[in-house]
Amino acid sequence: MQDPAQIDALTGQQYLVLRPTTAVASLYREVQDASLARLGAGVPHPHTEHVTLRGFVEPERREKLGALLAEWAAQQHPITVSAEAIDSFPAPWQILVVRLARTPSLVAAYASLTTALERTDLRRLEERTLDDWTFHLSVVYDSSLAAAEWAAFERAACCAVALPPTEVIDEVELVWYQDGVEHAEVLPLGTRA
C-alpha cells in the first residue's frame, strides 16, 4: 500500500493475511480491473489481493504478537483457498468481494488461530466467530456511492464462479503500519505441523 491517507488511517494496526498468488489471484485481478473500469480508478480498493484472518491493535507489543503468530503458523498445514462467488457486503459498507469457500484447511486455520488468541490479552479488531466470518478478498469499497448506483453495480458484478479457481498457500503475512510505512513479515506454514 502506498496511499499516505490509507496508511495513516491504519497506523498502529496489524493484520494477519493470506496472499493468493496464482489462480485465485488471477480471478481477483480480473474482477478488480472490471470493477475499476466501471466505477473509476479513483474508487478505494486494495492494491494487493489478500485474505484477512485477523486484525490487531498492538503497536507496543508487535514483537510479542509476531512471536505468537509465528508459533501458530509453524503448527499449521498449508491452506487451500477456493473462490466460489463474486459477492458483496451491502450498505453501509458497499464492498465487492471474492467470496471464498469454507475449505477444511481454511476453517481449521481460523479455528486454531481463535484458540491460540483466546489465551492472550492481545487486542483484536472486529473479531468474528468462525460461524459469522465470511472468508473473502475485498475488491473495491465505496460507501459514498448512492444506494441505487451500488445496487446496479452489485447486480452486474455479483455471480457464482462457474469453475472455482483454487490454490494452496504455504505462508501467511503479518502486515503492520508504522511511521507512515507498511511493513510485512512472512511466516511460513507447517514448519512443525
N, C-alpha and C. Protein backbone atom coordinates (compact mmCIF):
# COMPACT_ATOMS: atom_id res chain seq x y z
N MET A 1 0.85 -1.17 0.00
CA MET A 1 0.00 0.00 0.00
C MET A 1 0.89 1.23 0.00
N GLN A 2 0.49 2.22 -0.79
CA GLN A 2 1.31 3.42 -0.88
C GLN A 2 0.54 4.71 -0.65
N ASP A 3 -0.75 4.64 -0.49
CA ASP A 3 -1.57 5.83 -0.28
C ASP A 3 -1.34 6.35 1.14
N PRO A 4 -0.73 7.53 1.29
CA PRO A 4 -0.44 8.05 2.63
C PRO A 4 -1.67 8.17 3.53
N ALA A 5 -2.81 8.54 2.97
CA ALA A 5 -4.03 8.67 3.78
C ALA A 5 -4.47 7.32 4.32
N GLN A 6 -4.41 6.28 3.48
CA GLN A 6 -4.79 4.94 3.94
C GLN A 6 -3.80 4.44 4.99
N ILE A 7 -2.52 4.67 4.76
CA ILE A 7 -1.52 4.23 5.72
C ILE A 7 -1.71 4.94 7.05
N ASP A 8 -1.97 6.25 7.02
CA ASP A 8 -2.21 6.99 8.25
C ASP A 8 -3.41 6.43 9.01
N ALA A 9 -4.47 6.08 8.27
CA ALA A 9 -5.67 5.54 8.91
C ALA A 9 -5.40 4.18 9.56
N LEU A 10 -4.40 3.46 9.09
CA LEU A 10 -4.10 2.13 9.61
C LEU A 10 -2.94 2.12 10.60
N THR A 11 -2.33 3.27 10.85
CA THR A 11 -1.18 3.33 11.75
C THR A 11 -1.55 2.74 13.11
N GLY A 12 -0.67 1.87 13.60
CA GLY A 12 -0.88 1.21 14.89
C GLY A 12 -1.63 -0.10 14.78
N GLN A 13 -2.04 -0.46 13.57
CA GLN A 13 -2.77 -1.71 13.37
C GLN A 13 -1.88 -2.76 12.72
N GLN A 14 -2.24 -4.02 12.96
CA GLN A 14 -1.53 -5.15 12.38
C GLN A 14 -2.58 -6.12 11.83
N TYR A 15 -2.21 -6.83 10.77
CA TYR A 15 -3.13 -7.78 10.14
C TYR A 15 -2.39 -9.05 9.79
N LEU A 16 -3.05 -10.18 10.02
CA LEU A 16 -2.54 -11.46 9.56
C LEU A 16 -3.31 -11.82 8.30
N VAL A 17 -2.60 -11.98 7.19
CA VAL A 17 -3.26 -12.19 5.91
C VAL A 17 -2.65 -13.37 5.15
N LEU A 18 -3.49 -13.93 4.29
CA LEU A 18 -3.06 -14.87 3.27
C LEU A 18 -2.96 -14.09 1.98
N ARG A 19 -1.97 -14.41 1.15
CA ARG A 19 -1.84 -13.73 -0.14
C ARG A 19 -1.88 -14.75 -1.27
N PRO A 20 -3.04 -14.91 -1.89
CA PRO A 20 -3.10 -15.77 -3.07
C PRO A 20 -2.17 -15.22 -4.15
N THR A 21 -1.56 -16.12 -4.92
CA THR A 21 -0.61 -15.67 -5.94
C THR A 21 -0.84 -16.32 -7.31
N THR A 22 -1.76 -17.28 -7.40
CA THR A 22 -1.94 -17.96 -8.69
C THR A 22 -3.39 -17.85 -9.15
N ALA A 23 -4.14 -18.93 -9.12
CA ALA A 23 -5.48 -18.98 -9.72
C ALA A 23 -6.46 -18.01 -9.07
N VAL A 24 -6.52 -17.98 -7.75
CA VAL A 24 -7.45 -17.08 -7.06
C VAL A 24 -7.02 -15.63 -7.29
N ALA A 25 -5.73 -15.39 -7.27
CA ALA A 25 -5.22 -14.03 -7.52
C ALA A 25 -5.58 -13.56 -8.92
N SER A 26 -5.52 -14.45 -9.88
CA SER A 26 -5.85 -14.10 -11.26
C SER A 26 -7.32 -13.69 -11.38
N LEU A 27 -8.21 -14.46 -10.77
CA LEU A 27 -9.64 -14.09 -10.77
C LEU A 27 -9.82 -12.74 -10.08
N TYR A 28 -9.18 -12.56 -8.95
CA TYR A 28 -9.29 -11.31 -8.19
C TYR A 28 -8.92 -10.12 -9.07
N ARG A 29 -7.78 -10.20 -9.75
CA ARG A 29 -7.32 -9.08 -10.58
C ARG A 29 -8.29 -8.82 -11.73
N GLU A 30 -8.83 -9.88 -12.31
CA GLU A 30 -9.81 -9.74 -13.39
C GLU A 30 -11.05 -8.99 -12.90
N VAL A 31 -11.56 -9.39 -11.74
CA VAL A 31 -12.76 -8.76 -11.17
C VAL A 31 -12.45 -7.32 -10.77
N GLN A 32 -11.28 -7.09 -10.17
CA GLN A 32 -10.94 -5.73 -9.76
C GLN A 32 -10.76 -4.82 -10.97
N ASP A 33 -10.09 -5.30 -12.00
CA ASP A 33 -9.91 -4.48 -13.21
C ASP A 33 -11.26 -4.09 -13.81
N ALA A 34 -12.18 -5.05 -13.90
CA ALA A 34 -13.51 -4.76 -14.45
C ALA A 34 -14.27 -3.78 -13.56
N SER A 35 -14.14 -3.93 -12.26
CA SER A 35 -14.83 -3.04 -11.31
C SER A 35 -14.29 -1.61 -11.41
N LEU A 36 -12.98 -1.48 -11.49
CA LEU A 36 -12.38 -0.14 -11.60
C LEU A 36 -12.72 0.50 -12.94
N ALA A 37 -12.82 -0.31 -13.98
CA ALA A 37 -13.22 0.23 -15.29
C ALA A 37 -14.65 0.77 -15.23
N ARG A 38 -15.49 0.10 -14.48
CA ARG A 38 -16.89 0.54 -14.38
C ARG A 38 -17.06 1.72 -13.43
N LEU A 39 -16.40 1.66 -12.26
CA LEU A 39 -16.61 2.67 -11.22
C LEU A 39 -15.61 3.82 -11.29
N GLY A 40 -14.48 3.60 -11.94
CA GLY A 40 -13.44 4.63 -12.00
C GLY A 40 -12.25 4.23 -11.15
N ALA A 41 -11.07 4.55 -11.63
CA ALA A 41 -9.84 4.15 -10.96
C ALA A 41 -9.68 4.79 -9.59
N GLY A 42 -10.40 5.88 -9.33
CA GLY A 42 -10.29 6.56 -8.04
C GLY A 42 -11.06 5.90 -6.91
N VAL A 43 -11.83 4.87 -7.22
CA VAL A 43 -12.60 4.18 -6.18
C VAL A 43 -11.64 3.49 -5.22
N PRO A 44 -11.85 3.61 -3.92
CA PRO A 44 -10.95 2.95 -2.97
C PRO A 44 -10.92 1.44 -3.20
N HIS A 45 -9.70 0.89 -3.17
CA HIS A 45 -9.54 -0.54 -3.39
C HIS A 45 -8.18 -0.99 -2.85
N PRO A 46 -8.09 -2.26 -2.45
CA PRO A 46 -6.79 -2.78 -2.04
C PRO A 46 -5.86 -2.82 -3.25
N HIS A 47 -4.59 -2.62 -2.99
CA HIS A 47 -3.63 -2.64 -4.09
C HIS A 47 -2.97 -4.01 -4.25
N THR A 48 -3.20 -4.89 -3.30
CA THR A 48 -2.75 -6.28 -3.43
C THR A 48 -3.85 -7.19 -2.90
N GLU A 49 -4.00 -8.33 -3.53
CA GLU A 49 -5.01 -9.28 -3.09
C GLU A 49 -4.59 -9.90 -1.76
N HIS A 50 -5.56 -10.03 -0.86
CA HIS A 50 -5.27 -10.64 0.44
C HIS A 50 -6.55 -11.10 1.11
N VAL A 51 -6.40 -12.10 1.94
CA VAL A 51 -7.49 -12.63 2.76
C VAL A 51 -7.11 -12.33 4.20
N THR A 52 -7.85 -11.46 4.86
CA THR A 52 -7.53 -11.11 6.24
C THR A 52 -8.05 -12.21 7.17
N LEU A 53 -7.15 -12.74 7.99
CA LEU A 53 -7.54 -13.72 9.00
C LEU A 53 -7.83 -13.04 10.33
N ARG A 54 -7.11 -11.98 10.65
CA ARG A 54 -7.34 -11.23 11.89
C ARG A 54 -6.71 -9.86 11.77
N GLY A 55 -7.29 -8.92 12.51
CA GLY A 55 -6.72 -7.60 12.66
C GLY A 55 -6.42 -7.36 14.13
N PHE A 56 -5.39 -6.58 14.40
CA PHE A 56 -4.95 -6.32 15.77
C PHE A 56 -4.64 -4.84 15.94
N VAL A 57 -4.65 -4.40 17.20
CA VAL A 57 -4.19 -3.06 17.56
C VAL A 57 -3.18 -3.26 18.69
N GLU A 58 -1.96 -3.55 18.32
CA GLU A 58 -0.90 -3.82 19.30
C GLU A 58 0.42 -3.16 18.89
N PRO A 59 0.42 -1.82 18.72
CA PRO A 59 1.67 -1.17 18.28
C PRO A 59 2.81 -1.32 19.28
N GLU A 60 2.50 -1.42 20.55
CA GLU A 60 3.55 -1.52 21.57
C GLU A 60 4.02 -2.96 21.77
N ARG A 61 3.22 -3.92 21.31
CA ARG A 61 3.57 -5.33 21.53
C ARG A 61 3.63 -6.10 20.20
N ARG A 62 4.06 -5.42 19.15
CA ARG A 62 4.10 -6.06 17.85
C ARG A 62 5.03 -7.27 17.84
N GLU A 63 6.15 -7.19 18.53
CA GLU A 63 7.08 -8.32 18.57
C GLU A 63 6.44 -9.52 19.26
N LYS A 64 5.72 -9.28 20.35
CA LYS A 64 5.03 -10.37 21.05
C LYS A 64 3.97 -10.98 20.13
N LEU A 65 3.23 -10.13 19.45
CA LEU A 65 2.22 -10.60 18.50
C LEU A 65 2.89 -11.44 17.41
N GLY A 66 3.97 -10.94 16.86
CA GLY A 66 4.68 -11.66 15.81
C GLY A 66 5.17 -13.03 16.27
N ALA A 67 5.67 -13.11 17.49
CA ALA A 67 6.16 -14.39 18.02
C ALA A 67 5.01 -15.38 18.17
N LEU A 68 3.89 -14.91 18.68
CA LEU A 68 2.73 -15.80 18.83
C LEU A 68 2.24 -16.29 17.47
N LEU A 69 2.17 -15.39 16.50
CA LEU A 69 1.68 -15.77 15.17
C LEU A 69 2.67 -16.68 14.45
N ALA A 70 3.97 -16.48 14.66
CA ALA A 70 4.97 -17.37 14.06
C ALA A 70 4.84 -18.78 14.63
N GLU A 71 4.61 -18.86 15.93
CA GLU A 71 4.41 -20.17 16.58
C GLU A 71 3.15 -20.84 16.05
N TRP A 72 2.08 -20.07 15.93
CA TRP A 72 0.82 -20.61 15.37
C TRP A 72 1.06 -21.09 13.94
N ALA A 73 1.70 -20.27 13.11
CA ALA A 73 1.93 -20.62 11.70
C ALA A 73 2.75 -21.90 11.57
N ALA A 74 3.74 -22.07 12.42
CA ALA A 74 4.60 -23.25 12.35
C ALA A 74 3.81 -24.54 12.57
N GLN A 75 2.69 -24.45 13.26
CA GLN A 75 1.88 -25.63 13.57
C GLN A 75 0.76 -25.87 12.55
N GLN A 76 0.66 -25.03 11.54
CA GLN A 76 -0.41 -25.15 10.55
C GLN A 76 0.05 -25.93 9.33
N HIS A 77 -0.93 -26.50 8.64
CA HIS A 77 -0.68 -27.10 7.34
C HIS A 77 -0.94 -26.02 6.29
N PRO A 78 -0.43 -26.18 5.07
CA PRO A 78 -0.78 -25.24 4.01
C PRO A 78 -2.30 -25.11 3.89
N ILE A 79 -2.75 -23.94 3.45
CA ILE A 79 -4.17 -23.60 3.43
C ILE A 79 -4.67 -23.53 1.99
N THR A 80 -5.74 -24.27 1.72
CA THR A 80 -6.36 -24.25 0.40
C THR A 80 -7.42 -23.16 0.37
N VAL A 81 -7.34 -22.30 -0.63
CA VAL A 81 -8.38 -21.28 -0.84
C VAL A 81 -9.00 -21.52 -2.21
N SER A 82 -10.32 -21.36 -2.26
CA SER A 82 -11.07 -21.59 -3.49
C SER A 82 -12.14 -20.51 -3.60
N ALA A 83 -12.14 -19.79 -4.71
CA ALA A 83 -13.12 -18.71 -4.92
C ALA A 83 -14.44 -19.33 -5.38
N GLU A 84 -15.53 -19.03 -4.66
CA GLU A 84 -16.82 -19.61 -5.04
C GLU A 84 -17.79 -18.61 -5.64
N ALA A 85 -17.59 -17.31 -5.38
CA ALA A 85 -18.54 -16.32 -5.91
C ALA A 85 -17.94 -14.93 -5.85
N ILE A 86 -18.50 -14.07 -6.71
CA ILE A 86 -18.28 -12.63 -6.59
C ILE A 86 -19.51 -12.15 -5.84
N ASP A 87 -19.31 -11.53 -4.71
CA ASP A 87 -20.40 -11.21 -3.79
C ASP A 87 -20.18 -9.79 -3.28
N SER A 88 -21.03 -9.37 -2.35
CA SER A 88 -20.83 -8.03 -1.78
C SER A 88 -21.31 -7.98 -0.35
N PHE A 89 -20.77 -7.01 0.37
CA PHE A 89 -21.29 -6.63 1.67
C PHE A 89 -22.10 -5.36 1.39
N PRO A 90 -23.38 -5.37 1.73
CA PRO A 90 -24.27 -4.26 1.36
C PRO A 90 -24.00 -3.01 2.18
N ALA A 91 -24.80 -1.98 1.91
CA ALA A 91 -24.72 -0.73 2.68
C ALA A 91 -24.85 -1.09 4.16
N PRO A 92 -24.16 -0.43 5.02
CA PRO A 92 -23.39 0.78 4.78
C PRO A 92 -21.98 0.54 4.25
N TRP A 93 -21.54 -0.71 4.13
CA TRP A 93 -20.15 -0.98 3.73
C TRP A 93 -19.94 -0.82 2.22
N GLN A 94 -20.82 -1.44 1.43
CA GLN A 94 -20.70 -1.40 -0.02
C GLN A 94 -19.31 -1.85 -0.48
N ILE A 95 -19.04 -3.11 -0.23
CA ILE A 95 -17.75 -3.71 -0.59
C ILE A 95 -18.01 -4.88 -1.53
N LEU A 96 -17.37 -4.86 -2.69
CA LEU A 96 -17.41 -6.01 -3.59
C LEU A 96 -16.30 -6.95 -3.17
N VAL A 97 -16.60 -8.26 -3.10
CA VAL A 97 -15.62 -9.24 -2.62
C VAL A 97 -15.59 -10.46 -3.53
N VAL A 98 -14.46 -11.14 -3.50
CA VAL A 98 -14.38 -12.50 -4.00
C VAL A 98 -14.58 -13.37 -2.76
N ARG A 99 -15.74 -14.05 -2.70
CA ARG A 99 -16.04 -14.89 -1.54
C ARG A 99 -15.38 -16.25 -1.71
N LEU A 100 -14.76 -16.72 -0.64
CA LEU A 100 -14.06 -17.99 -0.66
C LEU A 100 -14.92 -19.10 -0.06
N ALA A 101 -14.72 -20.30 -0.57
CA ALA A 101 -15.36 -21.48 0.01
C ALA A 101 -14.74 -21.74 1.38
N ARG A 102 -15.51 -22.37 2.24
CA ARG A 102 -15.03 -22.71 3.58
C ARG A 102 -14.31 -24.06 3.50
N THR A 103 -13.12 -24.03 2.92
CA THR A 103 -12.36 -25.28 2.78
C THR A 103 -11.96 -25.79 4.16
N PRO A 104 -11.79 -27.10 4.32
CA PRO A 104 -11.41 -27.63 5.63
C PRO A 104 -10.14 -26.99 6.20
N SER A 105 -9.14 -26.77 5.37
CA SER A 105 -7.89 -26.19 5.89
C SER A 105 -8.04 -24.73 6.28
N LEU A 106 -8.86 -23.98 5.56
CA LEU A 106 -9.10 -22.57 5.90
C LEU A 106 -9.88 -22.46 7.20
N VAL A 107 -10.91 -23.27 7.33
CA VAL A 107 -11.72 -23.28 8.56
C VAL A 107 -10.86 -23.72 9.75
N ALA A 108 -10.06 -24.76 9.56
CA ALA A 108 -9.21 -25.25 10.65
C ALA A 108 -8.19 -24.20 11.07
N ALA A 109 -7.60 -23.50 10.11
CA ALA A 109 -6.62 -22.46 10.44
C ALA A 109 -7.27 -21.34 11.24
N TYR A 110 -8.45 -20.89 10.81
CA TYR A 110 -9.15 -19.82 11.52
C TYR A 110 -9.50 -20.27 12.94
N ALA A 111 -10.01 -21.50 13.07
CA ALA A 111 -10.39 -22.02 14.38
C ALA A 111 -9.19 -22.14 15.30
N SER A 112 -8.08 -22.66 14.79
CA SER A 112 -6.90 -22.81 15.64
C SER A 112 -6.30 -21.46 16.01
N LEU A 113 -6.41 -20.48 15.11
CA LEU A 113 -5.95 -19.13 15.44
C LEU A 113 -6.80 -18.54 16.55
N THR A 114 -8.10 -18.76 16.48
CA THR A 114 -9.01 -18.30 17.54
C THR A 114 -8.59 -18.90 18.88
N THR A 115 -8.32 -20.20 18.90
CA THR A 115 -7.91 -20.87 20.13
C THR A 115 -6.61 -20.29 20.66
N ALA A 116 -5.65 -20.07 19.78
CA ALA A 116 -4.36 -19.50 20.21
C ALA A 116 -4.54 -18.10 20.79
N LEU A 117 -5.42 -17.31 20.19
CA LEU A 117 -5.62 -15.93 20.64
C LEU A 117 -6.44 -15.84 21.92
N GLU A 118 -7.30 -16.81 22.16
CA GLU A 118 -8.13 -16.78 23.38
C GLU A 118 -7.29 -16.84 24.64
N ARG A 119 -6.10 -17.36 24.54
CA ARG A 119 -5.21 -17.48 25.71
C ARG A 119 -4.40 -16.21 25.95
N THR A 120 -4.69 -15.16 25.19
CA THR A 120 -3.91 -13.92 25.30
C THR A 120 -4.82 -12.74 25.61
N ASP A 121 -4.19 -11.62 25.90
CA ASP A 121 -4.95 -10.37 26.06
C ASP A 121 -4.69 -9.44 24.87
N LEU A 122 -4.25 -9.99 23.74
CA LEU A 122 -3.99 -9.17 22.55
C LEU A 122 -5.29 -8.55 22.06
N ARG A 123 -5.22 -7.26 21.74
CA ARG A 123 -6.42 -6.53 21.27
C ARG A 123 -6.64 -6.81 19.79
N ARG A 124 -7.86 -7.29 19.49
CA ARG A 124 -8.20 -7.66 18.13
C ARG A 124 -9.25 -6.71 17.58
N LEU A 125 -9.20 -6.50 16.27
CA LEU A 125 -10.15 -5.62 15.58
C LEU A 125 -11.33 -6.41 15.06
N GLU A 126 -12.52 -5.98 15.39
CA GLU A 126 -13.75 -6.51 14.80
C GLU A 126 -13.71 -8.02 14.63
N GLU A 127 -13.33 -8.71 15.67
CA GLU A 127 -13.24 -10.17 15.58
C GLU A 127 -14.62 -10.79 15.50
N ARG A 128 -14.74 -11.80 14.66
CA ARG A 128 -16.00 -12.52 14.49
C ARG A 128 -15.76 -14.00 14.77
N THR A 129 -16.83 -14.67 15.18
CA THR A 129 -16.72 -16.11 15.38
C THR A 129 -16.56 -16.79 14.03
N LEU A 130 -16.11 -18.01 14.06
CA LEU A 130 -15.94 -18.78 12.82
C LEU A 130 -17.26 -18.86 12.05
N ASP A 131 -18.36 -19.09 12.76
CA ASP A 131 -19.67 -19.19 12.09
C ASP A 131 -20.09 -17.88 11.44
N ASP A 132 -19.65 -16.75 11.99
CA ASP A 132 -20.05 -15.44 11.47
C ASP A 132 -19.07 -14.86 10.44
N TRP A 133 -17.94 -15.51 10.25
CA TRP A 133 -16.92 -14.95 9.37
C TRP A 133 -17.15 -15.39 7.93
N THR A 134 -17.08 -14.43 7.01
CA THR A 134 -17.11 -14.71 5.58
C THR A 134 -15.68 -14.57 5.06
N PHE A 135 -15.10 -15.67 4.62
CA PHE A 135 -13.75 -15.61 4.06
C PHE A 135 -13.84 -14.95 2.70
N HIS A 136 -13.01 -13.93 2.48
CA HIS A 136 -13.14 -13.14 1.26
C HIS A 136 -11.87 -12.35 0.96
N LEU A 137 -11.83 -11.83 -0.25
CA LEU A 137 -10.85 -10.83 -0.66
C LEU A 137 -11.64 -9.60 -1.07
N SER A 138 -11.42 -8.48 -0.42
CA SER A 138 -12.10 -7.24 -0.80
C SER A 138 -11.56 -6.76 -2.14
N VAL A 139 -12.47 -6.40 -3.04
CA VAL A 139 -12.10 -5.98 -4.40
C VAL A 139 -12.12 -4.46 -4.51
N VAL A 140 -13.26 -3.85 -4.21
CA VAL A 140 -13.42 -2.39 -4.17
C VAL A 140 -14.38 -2.08 -3.03
N TYR A 141 -14.25 -0.87 -2.49
CA TYR A 141 -15.20 -0.43 -1.47
C TYR A 141 -15.55 1.03 -1.73
N ASP A 142 -16.85 1.29 -1.70
CA ASP A 142 -17.28 2.66 -1.99
C ASP A 142 -18.58 2.97 -1.25
N SER A 143 -18.46 3.28 0.01
CA SER A 143 -19.65 3.60 0.81
C SER A 143 -20.24 4.94 0.42
N SER A 144 -19.53 5.72 -0.39
CA SER A 144 -20.06 7.03 -0.80
C SER A 144 -20.96 6.94 -2.03
N LEU A 145 -20.96 5.81 -2.71
CA LEU A 145 -21.79 5.64 -3.90
C LEU A 145 -23.27 5.60 -3.50
N ALA A 146 -24.12 6.28 -4.25
CA ALA A 146 -25.56 6.28 -3.97
C ALA A 146 -26.08 4.85 -3.97
N ALA A 147 -27.05 4.58 -3.12
CA ALA A 147 -27.57 3.23 -2.95
C ALA A 147 -28.04 2.62 -4.27
N ALA A 148 -28.73 3.39 -5.09
CA ALA A 148 -29.23 2.87 -6.37
C ALA A 148 -28.07 2.51 -7.30
N GLU A 149 -27.03 3.34 -7.31
CA GLU A 149 -25.86 3.06 -8.15
C GLU A 149 -25.15 1.79 -7.67
N TRP A 150 -25.01 1.67 -6.34
CA TRP A 150 -24.35 0.48 -5.80
C TRP A 150 -25.18 -0.77 -6.13
N ALA A 151 -26.49 -0.69 -5.99
CA ALA A 151 -27.35 -1.83 -6.29
C ALA A 151 -27.20 -2.26 -7.75
N ALA A 152 -27.12 -1.31 -8.65
CA ALA A 152 -26.94 -1.63 -10.07
C ALA A 152 -25.57 -2.29 -10.29
N PHE A 153 -24.57 -1.76 -9.63
CA PHE A 153 -23.23 -2.34 -9.73
C PHE A 153 -23.22 -3.78 -9.20
N GLU A 154 -23.86 -3.99 -8.04
CA GLU A 154 -23.95 -5.33 -7.46
C GLU A 154 -24.61 -6.32 -8.42
N ARG A 155 -25.74 -5.89 -9.00
CA ARG A 155 -26.47 -6.78 -9.92
C ARG A 155 -25.58 -7.19 -11.10
N ALA A 156 -24.80 -6.27 -11.58
CA ALA A 156 -23.93 -6.56 -12.72
C ALA A 156 -22.71 -7.39 -12.33
N ALA A 157 -22.22 -7.20 -11.12
CA ALA A 157 -20.94 -7.81 -10.74
C ALA A 157 -21.07 -9.14 -10.01
N CYS A 158 -22.09 -9.31 -9.19
CA CYS A 158 -22.18 -10.49 -8.33
C CYS A 158 -22.65 -11.72 -9.11
N CYS A 159 -21.95 -12.82 -8.87
CA CYS A 159 -22.31 -14.08 -9.55
C CYS A 159 -21.53 -15.23 -8.92
N ALA A 160 -22.02 -16.43 -9.17
CA ALA A 160 -21.26 -17.62 -8.77
C ALA A 160 -20.08 -17.76 -9.73
N VAL A 161 -19.05 -18.43 -9.28
CA VAL A 161 -17.89 -18.69 -10.13
C VAL A 161 -18.07 -20.10 -10.70
N ALA A 162 -18.21 -20.19 -12.02
CA ALA A 162 -18.53 -21.47 -12.66
C ALA A 162 -17.46 -22.54 -12.41
N LEU A 163 -16.22 -22.21 -12.62
CA LEU A 163 -15.11 -23.13 -12.37
C LEU A 163 -14.23 -22.51 -11.29
N PRO A 164 -14.56 -22.77 -10.01
CA PRO A 164 -13.86 -22.09 -8.92
C PRO A 164 -12.35 -22.30 -8.95
N PRO A 165 -11.59 -21.22 -9.11
CA PRO A 165 -10.14 -21.34 -9.03
C PRO A 165 -9.73 -21.68 -7.60
N THR A 166 -8.72 -22.52 -7.49
CA THR A 166 -8.26 -22.99 -6.19
C THR A 166 -6.74 -22.94 -6.17
N GLU A 167 -6.20 -22.62 -5.02
CA GLU A 167 -4.74 -22.67 -4.85
C GLU A 167 -4.41 -22.99 -3.40
N VAL A 168 -3.20 -23.45 -3.19
CA VAL A 168 -2.71 -23.79 -1.86
C VAL A 168 -1.67 -22.74 -1.47
N ILE A 169 -1.85 -22.19 -0.27
CA ILE A 169 -0.96 -21.14 0.23
C ILE A 169 -0.14 -21.71 1.38
N ASP A 170 1.17 -21.52 1.32
CA ASP A 170 2.04 -22.13 2.33
C ASP A 170 2.71 -21.11 3.26
N GLU A 171 2.16 -19.90 3.29
CA GLU A 171 2.69 -18.88 4.21
C GLU A 171 1.60 -17.86 4.52
N VAL A 172 1.74 -17.22 5.64
CA VAL A 172 0.89 -16.08 5.99
C VAL A 172 1.80 -14.87 6.11
N GLU A 173 1.19 -13.72 6.16
CA GLU A 173 1.98 -12.49 6.26
C GLU A 173 1.42 -11.65 7.41
N LEU A 174 2.30 -11.20 8.27
CA LEU A 174 1.93 -10.24 9.30
C LEU A 174 2.27 -8.86 8.74
N VAL A 175 1.25 -8.04 8.56
CA VAL A 175 1.42 -6.71 7.99
C VAL A 175 1.12 -5.69 9.08
N TRP A 176 1.96 -4.66 9.19
CA TRP A 176 1.69 -3.60 10.16
C TRP A 176 2.06 -2.25 9.58
N TYR A 177 1.48 -1.23 10.19
CA TYR A 177 1.63 0.14 9.70
C TYR A 177 2.24 0.98 10.81
N GLN A 178 3.38 1.59 10.48
CA GLN A 178 4.13 2.35 11.48
C GLN A 178 4.97 3.41 10.78
N ASP A 179 4.98 4.60 11.34
CA ASP A 179 5.81 5.70 10.82
C ASP A 179 5.55 5.98 9.34
N GLY A 180 4.28 5.87 8.92
CA GLY A 180 3.91 6.17 7.55
C GLY A 180 4.31 5.13 6.52
N VAL A 181 4.64 3.93 7.00
CA VAL A 181 5.11 2.88 6.09
C VAL A 181 4.38 1.57 6.40
N GLU A 182 4.10 0.80 5.34
CA GLU A 182 3.58 -0.55 5.51
C GLU A 182 4.77 -1.51 5.64
N HIS A 183 4.73 -2.34 6.66
CA HIS A 183 5.78 -3.34 6.90
C HIS A 183 5.15 -4.72 6.80
N ALA A 184 5.95 -5.73 6.52
CA ALA A 184 5.43 -7.09 6.44
C ALA A 184 6.50 -8.10 6.83
N GLU A 185 6.03 -9.16 7.46
CA GLU A 185 6.89 -10.29 7.81
C GLU A 185 6.20 -11.56 7.32
N VAL A 186 6.88 -12.35 6.53
CA VAL A 186 6.34 -13.61 6.02
C VAL A 186 6.58 -14.70 7.05
N LEU A 187 5.52 -15.45 7.36
CA LEU A 187 5.59 -16.54 8.32
C LEU A 187 5.24 -17.84 7.60
N PRO A 188 6.20 -18.75 7.42
CA PRO A 188 5.91 -20.00 6.72
C PRO A 188 4.96 -20.87 7.53
N LEU A 189 4.09 -21.56 6.82
CA LEU A 189 3.17 -22.50 7.46
C LEU A 189 3.80 -23.89 7.49
N GLY A 190 3.54 -24.60 8.58
CA GLY A 190 3.87 -26.01 8.62
C GLY A 190 5.27 -26.41 8.93
N THR A 191 6.07 -25.53 9.49
CA THR A 191 7.44 -25.95 9.80
C THR A 191 7.45 -26.96 10.95
N ARG A 192 6.33 -27.02 11.72
CA ARG A 192 6.22 -28.02 12.79
C ARG A 192 4.87 -28.73 12.74
N ALA A 193 4.20 -28.71 11.61
CA ALA A 193 2.87 -29.32 11.51
C ALA A 193 2.96 -30.83 11.53
